[in-house]
Amino acid sequence: MLRALHILWKFSRPHTIIGSVISICTLYLLALPATAYSQYSGLLISTLIVGVTCNIFIVGLNQIIDVELDKINKPQLPLAEGSLTLRKANMIIYTCLVIALTLAFYTSVVLGWLIVIICLIGIAYSVPPIQLKRHHLPAALSITVVRGVLVNIGMFVHFSHATGQLDLAEWFASPVGGLPAPLLVLTGFVIAFSVAIAWFKDLPDTEGDAKFEFKTLAILYSPKLALWVGSGLVFMAYVAAIIWAFQSDNRYLLYCHLIAWILFMVNVLKVDMSVPSSVTRFYMIFWVFFFAEYLFFASWAMIY
């Protein structure tokens, strides 16, 4: 039993699951007044189940398509190492898809259609003949649309609408104007992070990507260029967030971003592109900064 759970955990790509859970919880905190947090806990739990099962479907589908590629790039994954069969992997992802769609539409129509769109993009990302991930710009765009726009704005609208705080007709009449400034700052920041994730995730995988003719930024140009372009984008996102926090006299988020900005640059300067383990460590630490951004806003929402 424990071994089966361990295999499922590895198959679900834990860093993406953690990212989904933290982002959903943060958007719940931003969408609701503090006095209503416990009142709608059931809504949060059902949304988390939807988010996690949707996540497993997308990353699992990607692994099923990429078995041969992962034997080179990520041999530790369950399908690549042989600890999970294709039959069981298919059972897992389609069970998760049914749970995600059924519970999403049961929870709210906004969440239901949000998950449909996210799943369609996930399919287009992984499955031939479209397979957006084969080219660095479509790959970056798809990841950015999902993690940057749909998750942040979509989940915020879902929570706001489900709790009676937002009228969809009024919001569609002025979508940006109906969103609070902190959410827009968070969304802009995560958009920059998502583009960087799309480029950074390929840094440890150049051997397999080159063999299977994936046109990633690291393959088309160089891993070093992908590192510095992505880092530059995130660097500017930190600067923009710091300027916004300063102008808004939000000292808490100002100090949080200043500290994270310094630590992020240290992480970039420490990476040795000639050592695969250093590149992999850099990428996994980069996800910690992704988690931290949501935690900054979540803690700010609860404290202030």
C-alpha atoms as a PDB file:
ATOM      1  CA  MET A   1       0.000   0.000   0.000  1.00  0.00           C
ATOM      2  CA  LEU A   2       2.753   2.457   0.982  1.00  0.00           C
ATOM      3  CA  ARG A   3       4.715   1.563  -2.154  1.00  0.00           C
ATOM      4  CA  ALA A   4       1.653   2.218  -4.339  1.00  0.00           C
ATOM      5  CA  LEU A   5       1.113   5.605  -2.679  1.00  0.00           C
ATOM      6  CA  HIS A   6       4.780   6.461  -3.170  1.00  0.00           C
ATOM      7  CA  ILE A   7       4.554   5.624  -6.884  1.00  0.00           C
ATOM      8  CA  LEU A   8       1.382   7.717  -7.215  1.00  0.00           C
ATOM      9  CA  TRP A   9       3.116  10.602  -5.437  1.00  0.00           C
ATOM     10  CA  LYS A  10       6.071  10.474  -7.846  1.00  0.00           C
ATOM     11  CA  PHE A  11       3.706  10.143 -10.827  1.00  0.00           C
ATOM     12  CA  SER A  12       1.801  13.270  -9.729  1.00  0.00           C
ATOM     13  CA  ARG A  13       5.007  15.411  -9.881  1.00  0.00           C
ATOM     14  CA  PRO A  14       4.861  16.710  -6.273  1.00  0.00           C
ATOM     15  CA  HIS A  15       6.237  20.198  -6.962  1.00  0.00           C
ATOM     16  CA  THR A  16       3.345  20.892  -9.352  1.00  0.00           C
ATOM     17  CA  ILE A  17       0.800  19.553  -6.837  1.00  0.00           C
ATOM     18  CA  ILE A  18       2.243  21.769  -4.097  1.00  0.00           C
ATOM     19  CA  GLY A  19       2.100  24.732  -6.476  1.00  0.00           C
ATOM     20  CA  SER A  20      -1.561  24.080  -7.279  1.00  0.00           C
ATOM     21  CA  VAL A  21      -2.554  23.691  -3.611  1.00  0.00           C
ATOM     22  CA  ILE A  22      -0.747  26.854  -2.489  1.00  0.00           C
ATOM     23  CA  SER A  23      -2.120  28.934  -5.375  1.00  0.00           C
ATOM     24  CA  ILE A  24      -5.732  27.804  -4.807  1.00  0.00           C
ATOM     25  CA  CYS A  25      -5.527  28.488  -1.056  1.00  0.00           C
ATOM     26  CA  THR A  26      -4.012  31.929  -1.676  1.00  0.00           C
ATOM     27  CA  LEU A  27      -6.733  32.905  -4.144  1.00  0.00           C
ATOM     28  CA  TYR A  28      -9.370  31.743  -1.668  1.00  0.00           C
ATOM     29  CA  LEU A  29      -7.849  34.038   0.960  1.00  0.00           C
ATOM     30  CA  LEU A  30      -7.677  36.968  -1.470  1.00  0.00           C
ATOM     31  CA  ALA A  31     -11.241  36.501  -2.728  1.00  0.00           C
ATOM     32  CA  LEU A  32     -12.998  36.273   0.649  1.00  0.00           C
ATOM     33  CA  PRO A  33     -13.092  38.575   3.666  1.00  0.00           C
ATOM     34  CA  ALA A  34     -11.303  37.110   6.691  1.00  0.00           C
ATOM     35  CA  THR A  35     -14.588  36.675   8.532  1.00  0.00           C
ATOM     36  CA  ALA A  36     -15.817  34.230   5.858  1.00  0.00           C
ATOM     37  CA  TYR A  37     -12.780  31.926   5.682  1.00  0.00           C
ATOM     38  CA  SER A  38     -14.241  29.187   7.874  1.00  0.00           C
ATOM     39  CA  GLN A  39     -17.767  29.626   6.520  1.00  0.00           C
ATOM     40  CA  TYR A  40     -16.808  28.434   3.036  1.00  0.00           C
ATOM     41  CA  SER A  41     -14.177  25.836   3.971  1.00  0.00           C
ATOM     42  CA  GLY A  42     -16.181  23.178   2.112  1.00  0.00           C
ATOM     43  CA  LEU A  43     -15.888  25.206  -1.077  1.00  0.00           C
ATOM     44  CA  LEU A  44     -12.125  25.397  -0.603  1.00  0.00           C
ATOM     45  CA  ILE A  45     -11.801  21.645  -0.010  1.00  0.00           C
ATOM     46  CA  SER A  46     -13.839  20.701  -3.108  1.00  0.00           C
ATOM     47  CA  THR A  47     -11.835  23.173  -5.213  1.00  0.00           C
ATOM     48  CA  LEU A  48      -8.566  21.706  -3.913  1.00  0.00           C
ATOM     49  CA  ILE A  49      -9.699  18.183  -4.871  1.00  0.00           C
ATOM     50  CA  VAL A  50     -10.586  19.456  -8.335  1.00  0.00           C
ATOM     51  CA  GLY A  51      -7.249  21.243  -8.677  1.00  0.00           C
ATOM     52  CA  VAL A  52      -5.178  18.254  -7.554  1.00  0.00           C
ATOM     53  CA  THR A  53      -6.987  15.704  -9.743  1.00  0.00           C
ATOM     54  CA  CYS A  54      -6.822  18.046 -12.750  1.00  0.00           C
ATOM     55  CA  ASN A  55      -3.104  18.480 -12.090  1.00  0.00           C
ATOM     56  CA  ILE A  56      -2.528  14.713 -11.949  1.00  0.00           C
ATOM     57  CA  PHE A  57      -4.417  14.242 -15.219  1.00  0.00           C
ATOM     58  CA  ILE A  58      -2.263  16.808 -17.044  1.00  0.00           C
ATOM     59  CA  VAL A  59       1.158  15.754 -15.712  1.00  0.00           C
ATOM     60  CA  GLY A  60       0.230  12.074 -15.973  1.00  0.00           C
ATOM     61  CA  LEU A  61      -0.857  12.433 -19.599  1.00  0.00           C
ATOM     62  CA  ASN A  62       2.444  14.153 -20.324  1.00  0.00           C
ATOM     63  CA  GLN A  63       4.368  11.213 -18.843  1.00  0.00           C
ATOM     64  CA  ILE A  64       2.335   8.656 -20.811  1.00  0.00           C
ATOM     65  CA  ILE A  65       3.174  10.449 -24.066  1.00  0.00           C
ATOM     66  CA  ASP A  66       6.820  10.939 -23.047  1.00  0.00           C
ATOM     67  CA  VAL A  67       7.789   7.485 -21.768  1.00  0.00           C
ATOM     68  CA  GLU A  68      10.721   7.054 -24.173  1.00  0.00           C
ATOM     69  CA  LEU A  69      11.845  10.667 -23.726  1.00  0.00           C
ATOM     70  CA  ASP A  70      11.703  10.349 -19.945  1.00  0.00           C
ATOM     71  CA  LYS A  71      13.919   7.269 -20.035  1.00  0.00           C
ATOM     72  CA  ILE A  72      16.664   9.731 -21.017  1.00  0.00           C
ATOM     73  CA  ASN A  73      15.610  12.947 -19.263  1.00  0.00           C
ATOM     74  CA  LYS A  74      13.795  11.711 -16.144  1.00  0.00           C
ATOM     75  CA  PRO A  75      14.545   7.993 -15.662  1.00  0.00           C
ATOM     76  CA  GLN A  76      13.381   8.196 -12.033  1.00  0.00           C
ATOM     77  CA  LEU A  77       9.731   8.730 -13.009  1.00  0.00           C
ATOM     78  CA  PRO A  78       7.460   5.684 -12.454  1.00  0.00           C
ATOM     79  CA  LEU A  79       6.677   4.940 -16.116  1.00  0.00           C
ATOM     80  CA  ALA A  80      10.257   5.479 -17.247  1.00  0.00           C
ATOM     81  CA  GLU A  81      11.716   3.262 -14.514  1.00  0.00           C
ATOM     82  CA  GLY A  82       9.022   0.594 -14.974  1.00  0.00           C
ATOM     83  CA  SER A  83       7.445   0.753 -11.501  1.00  0.00           C
ATOM     84  CA  LEU A  84       4.106   1.789 -13.067  1.00  0.00           C
ATOM     85  CA  THR A  85       2.475   0.221 -16.121  1.00  0.00           C
ATOM     86  CA  LEU A  86       0.847   2.199 -18.924  1.00  0.00           C
ATOM     87  CA  ARG A  87      -2.472   0.511 -18.161  1.00  0.00           C
ATOM     88  CA  LYS A  88      -2.426   1.659 -14.534  1.00  0.00           C
ATOM     89  CA  ALA A  89      -1.217   5.128 -15.529  1.00  0.00           C
ATOM     90  CA  ASN A  90      -4.156   5.484 -17.913  1.00  0.00           C
ATOM     91  CA  MET A  91      -6.559   4.324 -15.204  1.00  0.00           C
ATOM     92  CA  ILE A  92      -5.151   6.955 -12.828  1.00  0.00           C
ATOM     93  CA  ILE A  93      -5.344   9.906 -15.200  1.00  0.00           C
ATOM     94  CA  TYR A  94      -8.819   9.168 -16.562  1.00  0.00           C
ATOM     95  CA  THR A  95     -10.180   8.544 -13.060  1.00  0.00           C
ATOM     96  CA  CYS A  96      -8.709  11.908 -12.048  1.00  0.00           C
ATOM     97  CA  LEU A  97     -10.228  13.568 -15.123  1.00  0.00           C
ATOM     98  CA  VAL A  98     -13.709  12.249 -14.282  1.00  0.00           C
ATOM     99  CA  ILE A  99     -13.376  13.355 -10.649  1.00  0.00           C
ATOM    100  CA  ALA A 100     -12.074  16.799 -11.653  1.00  0.00           C
ATOM    101  CA  LEU A 101     -14.816  17.523 -14.201  1.00  0.00           C
ATOM    102  CA  THR A 102     -17.697  16.054 -12.184  1.00  0.00           C
ATOM    103  CA  LEU A 103     -16.788  17.774  -8.926  1.00  0.00           C
ATOM    104  CA  ALA A 104     -15.905  21.034 -10.707  1.00  0.00           C
ATOM    105  CA  PHE A 105     -19.322  21.408 -12.337  1.00  0.00           C
ATOM    106  CA  TYR A 106     -21.005  20.290  -9.114  1.00  0.00           C
ATOM    107  CA  THR A 107     -19.100  23.003  -7.222  1.00  0.00           C
ATOM    108  CA  SER A 108     -19.763  25.873  -9.641  1.00  0.00           C
ATOM    109  CA  VAL A 109     -20.265  26.485 -13.355  1.00  0.00           C
ATOM    110  CA  VAL A 110     -17.275  28.845 -13.355  1.00  0.00           C
ATOM    111  CA  LEU A 111     -14.979  26.168 -11.946  1.00  0.00           C
ATOM    112  CA  GLY A 112     -16.414  23.569 -14.327  1.00  0.00           C
ATOM    113  CA  TRP A 113     -15.642  25.517 -17.496  1.00  0.00           C
ATOM    114  CA  LEU A 114     -12.317  26.656 -16.068  1.00  0.00           C
ATOM    115  CA  ILE A 115     -11.219  23.022 -15.647  1.00  0.00           C
ATOM    116  CA  VAL A 116     -12.475  22.125 -19.142  1.00  0.00           C
ATOM    117  CA  ILE A 117     -10.321  24.864 -20.672  1.00  0.00           C
ATOM    118  CA  ILE A 118      -7.280  23.952 -18.557  1.00  0.00           C
ATOM    119  CA  CYS A 119      -7.584  20.251 -19.493  1.00  0.00           C
ATOM    120  CA  LEU A 120      -7.922  21.077 -23.215  1.00  0.00           C
ATOM    121  CA  ILE A 121      -4.770  23.190 -23.063  1.00  0.00           C
ATOM    122  CA  GLY A 122      -3.021  20.381 -21.168  1.00  0.00           C
ATOM    123  CA  ILE A 123      -3.997  17.904 -23.889  1.00  0.00           C
ATOM    124  CA  ALA A 124      -2.833  20.263 -26.646  1.00  0.00           C
ATOM    125  CA  TYR A 125       0.434  20.741 -24.744  1.00  0.00           C
ATOM    126  CA  SER A 126       1.299  17.032 -24.589  1.00  0.00           C
ATOM    127  CA  VAL A 127      -0.538  15.105 -27.307  1.00  0.00           C
ATOM    128  CA  PRO A 128       0.479  14.936 -31.012  1.00  0.00           C
ATOM    129  CA  PRO A 129      -0.104  16.262 -33.564  1.00  0.00           C
ATOM    130  CA  ILE A 130      -0.453  19.647 -31.833  1.00  0.00           C
ATOM    131  CA  GLN A 131       1.996  18.950 -28.955  1.00  0.00           C
ATOM    132  CA  LEU A 132       2.702  22.568 -28.049  1.00  0.00           C
ATOM    133  CA  LYS A 133       5.627  21.586 -25.848  1.00  0.00           C
ATOM    134  CA  ARG A 134       7.763  20.752 -28.900  1.00  0.00           C
ATOM    135  CA  HIS A 135       8.288  24.487 -29.548  1.00  0.00           C
ATOM    136  CA  HIS A 136       9.445  26.912 -26.881  1.00  0.00           C
ATOM    137  CA  LEU A 137       7.063  29.798 -27.638  1.00  0.00           C
ATOM    138  CA  PRO A 138       3.792  27.759 -27.745  1.00  0.00           C
ATOM    139  CA  ALA A 139       4.998  25.842 -24.677  1.00  0.00           C
ATOM    140  CA  ALA A 140       5.657  29.054 -22.767  1.00  0.00           C
ATOM    141  CA  LEU A 141       2.323  30.514 -23.883  1.00  0.00           C
ATOM    142  CA  SER A 142       0.302  27.477 -22.781  1.00  0.00           C
ATOM    143  CA  ILE A 143       1.963  27.281 -19.356  1.00  0.00           C
ATOM    144  CA  THR A 144       1.539  31.037 -18.915  1.00  0.00           C
ATOM    145  CA  VAL A 145      -2.145  30.999 -19.864  1.00  0.00           C
ATOM    146  CA  VAL A 146      -2.873  28.173 -17.414  1.00  0.00           C
ATOM    147  CA  ARG A 147      -0.718  29.006 -14.382  1.00  0.00           C
ATOM    148  CA  GLY A 148      -0.546  32.752 -14.922  1.00  0.00           C
ATOM    149  CA  VAL A 149      -4.029  33.739 -16.098  1.00  0.00           C
ATOM    150  CA  LEU A 150      -6.584  30.941 -15.726  1.00  0.00           C
ATOM    151  CA  VAL A 151      -5.530  29.756 -12.278  1.00  0.00           C
ATOM    152  CA  ASN A 152      -5.178  33.223 -10.743  1.00  0.00           C
ATOM    153  CA  ILE A 153      -8.044  35.146 -12.290  1.00  0.00           C
ATOM    154  CA  GLY A 154     -10.234  32.084 -12.890  1.00  0.00           C
ATOM    155  CA  MET A 155      -9.980  30.776  -9.335  1.00  0.00           C
ATOM    156  CA  PHE A 156     -10.496  34.261  -7.875  1.00  0.00           C
ATOM    157  CA  VAL A 157     -13.653  34.742  -9.970  1.00  0.00           C
ATOM    158  CA  HIS A 158     -14.826  31.225  -9.056  1.00  0.00           C
ATOM    159  CA  PHE A 159     -14.478  31.848  -5.310  1.00  0.00           C
ATOM    160  CA  SER A 160     -15.962  35.349  -5.531  1.00  0.00           C
ATOM    161  CA  HIS A 161     -18.947  34.169  -7.591  1.00  0.00           C
ATOM    162  CA  ALA A 162     -19.582  31.010  -5.548  1.00  0.00           C
ATOM    163  CA  THR A 163     -19.713  33.060  -2.341  1.00  0.00           C
ATOM    164  CA  GLY A 164     -22.047  35.691  -3.814  1.00  0.00           C
ATOM    165  CA  GLN A 165     -19.503  38.501  -3.860  1.00  0.00           C
ATOM    166  CA  LEU A 166     -19.276  38.880  -7.618  1.00  0.00           C
ATOM    167  CA  ASP A 167     -21.911  39.117 -10.347  1.00  0.00           C
ATOM    168  CA  LEU A 168     -20.598  37.522 -13.536  1.00  0.00           C
ATOM    169  CA  ALA A 169     -22.538  39.822 -15.868  1.00  0.00           C
ATOM    170  CA  GLU A 170     -21.134  42.905 -14.160  1.00  0.00           C
ATOM    171  CA  TRP A 171     -17.629  41.450 -14.080  1.00  0.00           C
ATOM    172  CA  PHE A 172     -17.644  40.602 -17.805  1.00  0.00           C
ATOM    173  CA  ALA A 173     -18.625  44.208 -18.513  1.00  0.00           C
ATOM    174  CA  SER A 174     -15.378  45.369 -16.870  1.00  0.00           C
ATOM    175  CA  PRO A 175     -13.179  42.337 -16.135  1.00  0.00           C
ATOM    176  CA  VAL A 176      -9.929  44.098 -15.209  1.00  0.00           C
ATOM    177  CA  GLY A 177     -11.668  46.914 -13.364  1.00  0.00           C
ATOM    178  CA  GLY A 178     -13.492  44.390 -11.216  1.00  0.00           C
ATOM    179  CA  LEU A 179     -10.292  42.802  -9.895  1.00  0.00           C
ATOM    180  CA  PRO A 180      -8.319  44.092  -6.900  1.00  0.00           C
ATOM    181  CA  ALA A 181      -4.813  45.478  -7.412  1.00  0.00           C
ATOM    182  CA  PRO A 182      -3.027  42.784  -5.321  1.00  0.00           C
ATOM    183  CA  LEU A 183      -4.542  40.059  -7.525  1.00  0.00           C
ATOM    184  CA  LEU A 184      -3.403  41.840 -10.694  1.00  0.00           C
ATOM    185  CA  VAL A 185       0.119  42.233  -9.287  1.00  0.00           C
ATOM    186  CA  LEU A 186       0.210  38.552  -8.306  1.00  0.00           C
ATOM    187  CA  THR A 187      -1.106  37.538 -11.741  1.00  0.00           C
ATOM    188  CA  GLY A 188       1.478  39.637 -13.562  1.00  0.00           C
ATOM    189  CA  PHE A 189       4.238  38.214 -11.399  1.00  0.00           C
ATOM    190  CA  VAL A 190       3.130  34.605 -11.939  1.00  0.00           C
ATOM    191  CA  ILE A 191       2.897  35.221 -15.708  1.00  0.00           C
ATOM    192  CA  ALA A 192       6.601  36.134 -15.691  1.00  0.00           C
ATOM    193  CA  PHE A 193       7.384  33.113 -13.504  1.00  0.00           C
ATOM    194  CA  SER A 194       5.377  30.809 -15.785  1.00  0.00           C
ATOM    195  CA  VAL A 195       7.308  31.882 -18.881  1.00  0.00           C
ATOM    196  CA  ALA A 196      10.545  31.253 -16.996  1.00  0.00           C
ATOM    197  CA  ILE A 197       9.279  27.841 -15.833  1.00  0.00           C
ATOM    198  CA  ALA A 198       8.596  26.925 -19.469  1.00  0.00           C
ATOM    199  CA  TRP A 199      12.214  27.711 -20.338  1.00  0.00           C
ATOM    200  CA  PHE A 200      13.914  26.521 -17.150  1.00  0.00           C
ATOM    201  CA  LYS A 201      12.220  23.112 -17.100  1.00  0.00           C
ATOM    202  CA  ASP A 202      14.120  22.203 -20.274  1.00  0.00           C
ATOM    203  CA  LEU A 203      17.561  23.094 -18.884  1.00  0.00           C
ATOM    204  CA  PRO A 204      18.214  19.641 -17.324  1.00  0.00           C
ATOM    205  CA  ASP A 205      16.631  17.842 -20.317  1.00  0.00           C
ATOM    206  CA  THR A 206      18.728  18.908 -23.288  1.00  0.00           C
ATOM    207  CA  GLU A 207      20.005  15.391 -24.078  1.00  0.00           C
ATOM    208  CA  GLY A 208      16.574  13.832 -24.590  1.00  0.00           C
ATOM    209  CA  ASP A 209      15.050  16.964 -26.133  1.00  0.00           C
ATOM    210  CA  ALA A 210      17.827  17.085 -28.749  1.00  0.00           C
ATOM    211  CA  LYS A 211      17.381  13.388 -29.603  1.00  0.00           C
ATOM    212  CA  PHE A 212      13.610  13.771 -30.042  1.00  0.00           C
ATOM    213  CA  GLU A 213      14.018  17.106 -31.902  1.00  0.00           C
ATOM    214  CA  PHE A 214      12.179  19.310 -29.419  1.00  0.00           C
ATOM    215  CA  LYS A 215      12.722  22.954 -30.328  1.00  0.00           C
ATOM    216  CA  THR A 216      13.201  24.300 -26.823  1.00  0.00           C
ATOM    217  CA  LEU A 217      14.951  27.603 -26.146  1.00  0.00           C
ATOM    218  CA  ALA A 218      17.901  25.734 -24.624  1.00  0.00           C
ATOM    219  CA  ILE A 219      18.246  23.571 -27.757  1.00  0.00           C
ATOM    220  CA  LEU A 220      17.664  26.282 -30.398  1.00  0.00           C
ATOM    221  CA  TYR A 221      20.083  28.731 -28.800  1.00  0.00           C
ATOM    222  CA  SER A 222      21.840  27.643 -25.617  1.00  0.00           C
ATOM    223  CA  PRO A 223      21.045  26.633 -22.033  1.00  0.00           C
ATOM    224  CA  LYS A 224      22.913  29.706 -20.801  1.00  0.00           C
ATOM    225  CA  LEU A 225      20.748  32.027 -22.911  1.00  0.00           C
ATOM    226  CA  ALA A 226      17.580  30.330 -21.627  1.00  0.00           C
ATOM    227  CA  LEU A 227      18.849  30.787 -18.064  1.00  0.00           C
ATOM    228  CA  TRP A 228      19.655  34.481 -18.438  1.00  0.00           C
ATOM    229  CA  VAL A 229      16.596  35.458 -20.465  1.00  0.00           C
ATOM    230  CA  GLY A 230      14.275  33.689 -18.005  1.00  0.00           C
ATOM    231  CA  SER A 231      16.131  35.132 -15.013  1.00  0.00           C
ATOM    232  CA  GLY A 232      15.962  38.614 -16.522  1.00  0.00           C
ATOM    233  CA  LEU A 233      12.201  38.299 -16.902  1.00  0.00           C
ATOM    234  CA  VAL A 234      11.766  37.220 -13.276  1.00  0.00           C
ATOM    235  CA  PHE A 235      14.205  39.949 -12.160  1.00  0.00           C
ATOM    236  CA  MET A 236      11.962  42.581 -13.793  1.00  0.00           C
ATOM    237  CA  ALA A 237       8.872  40.987 -12.203  1.00  0.00           C
ATOM    238  CA  TYR A 238      10.459  41.398  -8.767  1.00  0.00           C
ATOM    239  CA  VAL A 239      11.326  45.014  -9.538  1.00  0.00           C
ATOM    240  CA  ALA A 240       7.745  45.723 -10.650  1.00  0.00           C
ATOM    241  CA  ALA A 241       6.323  44.085  -7.497  1.00  0.00           C
ATOM    242  CA  ILE A 242       8.732  46.045  -5.297  1.00  0.00           C
ATOM    243  CA  ILE A 243       7.780  49.335  -6.976  1.00  0.00           C
ATOM    244  CA  TRP A 244       4.058  48.566  -6.556  1.00  0.00           C
ATOM    245  CA  ALA A 245       4.504  47.662  -2.884  1.00  0.00           C
ATOM    246  CA  PHE A 246       6.516  50.844  -2.271  1.00  0.00           C
ATOM    247  CA  GLN A 247       3.963  53.064  -4.002  1.00  0.00           C
ATOM    248  CA  SER A 248       1.120  51.349  -2.130  1.00  0.00           C
ATOM    249  CA  ASP A 249       2.965  51.776   1.176  1.00  0.00           C
ATOM    250  CA  ASN A 250       2.694  48.012   1.637  1.00  0.00           C
ATOM    251  CA  ARG A 251       5.794  47.447   3.731  1.00  0.00           C
ATOM    252  CA  TYR A 252       5.101  43.776   4.372  1.00  0.00           C
ATOM    253  CA  LEU A 253       5.063  42.799   0.681  1.00  0.00           C
ATOM    254  CA  LEU A 254       7.880  45.260  -0.023  1.00  0.00           C
ATOM    255  CA  TYR A 255      10.244  43.538   2.421  1.00  0.00           C
ATOM    256  CA  CYS A 256       9.105  40.062   1.321  1.00  0.00           C
ATOM    257  CA  HIS A 257       9.897  40.822  -2.317  1.00  0.00           C
ATOM    258  CA  LEU A 258      13.185  42.533  -1.543  1.00  0.00           C
ATOM    259  CA  ILE A 259      14.432  39.489   0.384  1.00  0.00           C
ATOM    260  CA  ALA A 260      13.151  37.037  -2.258  1.00  0.00           C
ATOM    261  CA  TRP A 261      14.712  39.144  -5.034  1.00  0.00           C
ATOM    262  CA  ILE A 262      18.149  38.974  -3.400  1.00  0.00           C
ATOM    263  CA  LEU A 263      17.882  35.227  -2.746  1.00  0.00           C
ATOM    264  CA  PHE A 264      16.689  34.633  -6.299  1.00  0.00           C
ATOM    265  CA  MET A 265      19.752  36.370  -7.753  1.00  0.00           C
ATOM    266  CA  VAL A 266      22.002  34.337  -5.455  1.00  0.00           C
ATOM    267  CA  ASN A 267      20.376  31.152  -6.775  1.00  0.00           C
ATOM    268  CA  VAL A 268      20.959  32.282 -10.383  1.00  0.00           C
ATOM    269  CA  LEU A 269      24.603  33.213  -9.791  1.00  0.00           C
ATOM    270  CA  LYS A 270      25.331  29.899  -8.035  1.00  0.00           C
ATOM    271  CA  VAL A 271      24.179  27.630 -10.884  1.00  0.00           C
ATOM    272  CA  ASP A 272      26.926  25.859 -12.838  1.00  0.00           C
ATOM    273  CA  MET A 273      25.580  25.099 -16.318  1.00  0.00           C
ATOM    274  CA  SER A 274      28.271  22.460 -16.889  1.00  0.00           C
ATOM    275  CA  VAL A 275      27.073  20.339 -13.945  1.00  0.00           C
ATOM    276  CA  PRO A 276      23.662  18.651 -14.503  1.00  0.00           C
ATOM    277  CA  SER A 277      22.970  18.276 -10.779  1.00  0.00           C
ATOM    278  CA  SER A 278      23.531  22.025 -10.291  1.00  0.00           C
ATOM    279  CA  VAL A 279      21.068  22.826 -13.082  1.00  0.00           C
ATOM    280  CA  THR A 280      18.439  20.473 -11.643  1.00  0.00           C
ATOM    281  CA  ARG A 281      18.931  21.936  -8.160  1.00  0.00           C
ATOM    282  CA  PHE A 282      18.523  25.460  -9.567  1.00  0.00           C
ATOM    283  CA  TYR A 283      15.233  24.498 -11.254  1.00  0.00           C
ATOM    284  CA  MET A 284      13.773  22.873  -8.153  1.00  0.00           C
ATOM    285  CA  ILE A 285      14.777  25.857  -5.977  1.00  0.00           C
ATOM    286  CA  PHE A 286      13.140  28.106  -8.564  1.00  0.00           C
ATOM    287  CA  TRP A 287       9.842  26.400  -7.725  1.00  0.00           C
ATOM    288  CA  VAL A 288      10.389  27.407  -4.083  1.00  0.00           C
ATOM    289  CA  PHE A 289      10.351  31.064  -5.199  1.00  0.00           C
ATOM    290  CA  PHE A 290       7.126  30.315  -7.080  1.00  0.00           C
ATOM    291  CA  PHE A 291       5.593  28.884  -3.893  1.00  0.00           C
ATOM    292  CA  ALA A 292       6.924  31.804  -1.843  1.00  0.00           C
ATOM    293  CA  GLU A 293       5.175  34.385  -4.027  1.00  0.00           C
ATOM    294  CA  TYR A 294       1.779  32.893  -3.248  1.00  0.00           C
ATOM    295  CA  LEU A 295       2.684  32.541   0.431  1.00  0.00           C
ATOM    296  CA  PHE A 296       3.588  36.249   0.564  1.00  0.00           C
ATOM    297  CA  PHE A 297       0.121  37.236  -0.628  1.00  0.00           C
ATOM    298  CA  ALA A 298      -1.631  34.551   1.445  1.00  0.00           C
ATOM    299  CA  SER A 299       0.025  35.685   4.664  1.00  0.00           C
ATOM    300  CA  TRP A 300      -0.620  39.332   3.791  1.00  0.00           C
ATOM    301  CA  ALA A 301      -4.332  38.557   3.232  1.00  0.00           C
ATOM    302  CA  MET A 302      -4.611  36.830   6.614  1.00  0.00           C
ATOM    303  CA  ILE A 303      -2.599  39.397   8.592  1.00  0.00           C
ATOM    304  CA  TYR A 304      -3.869  42.599   7.012  1.00  0.00           C
END
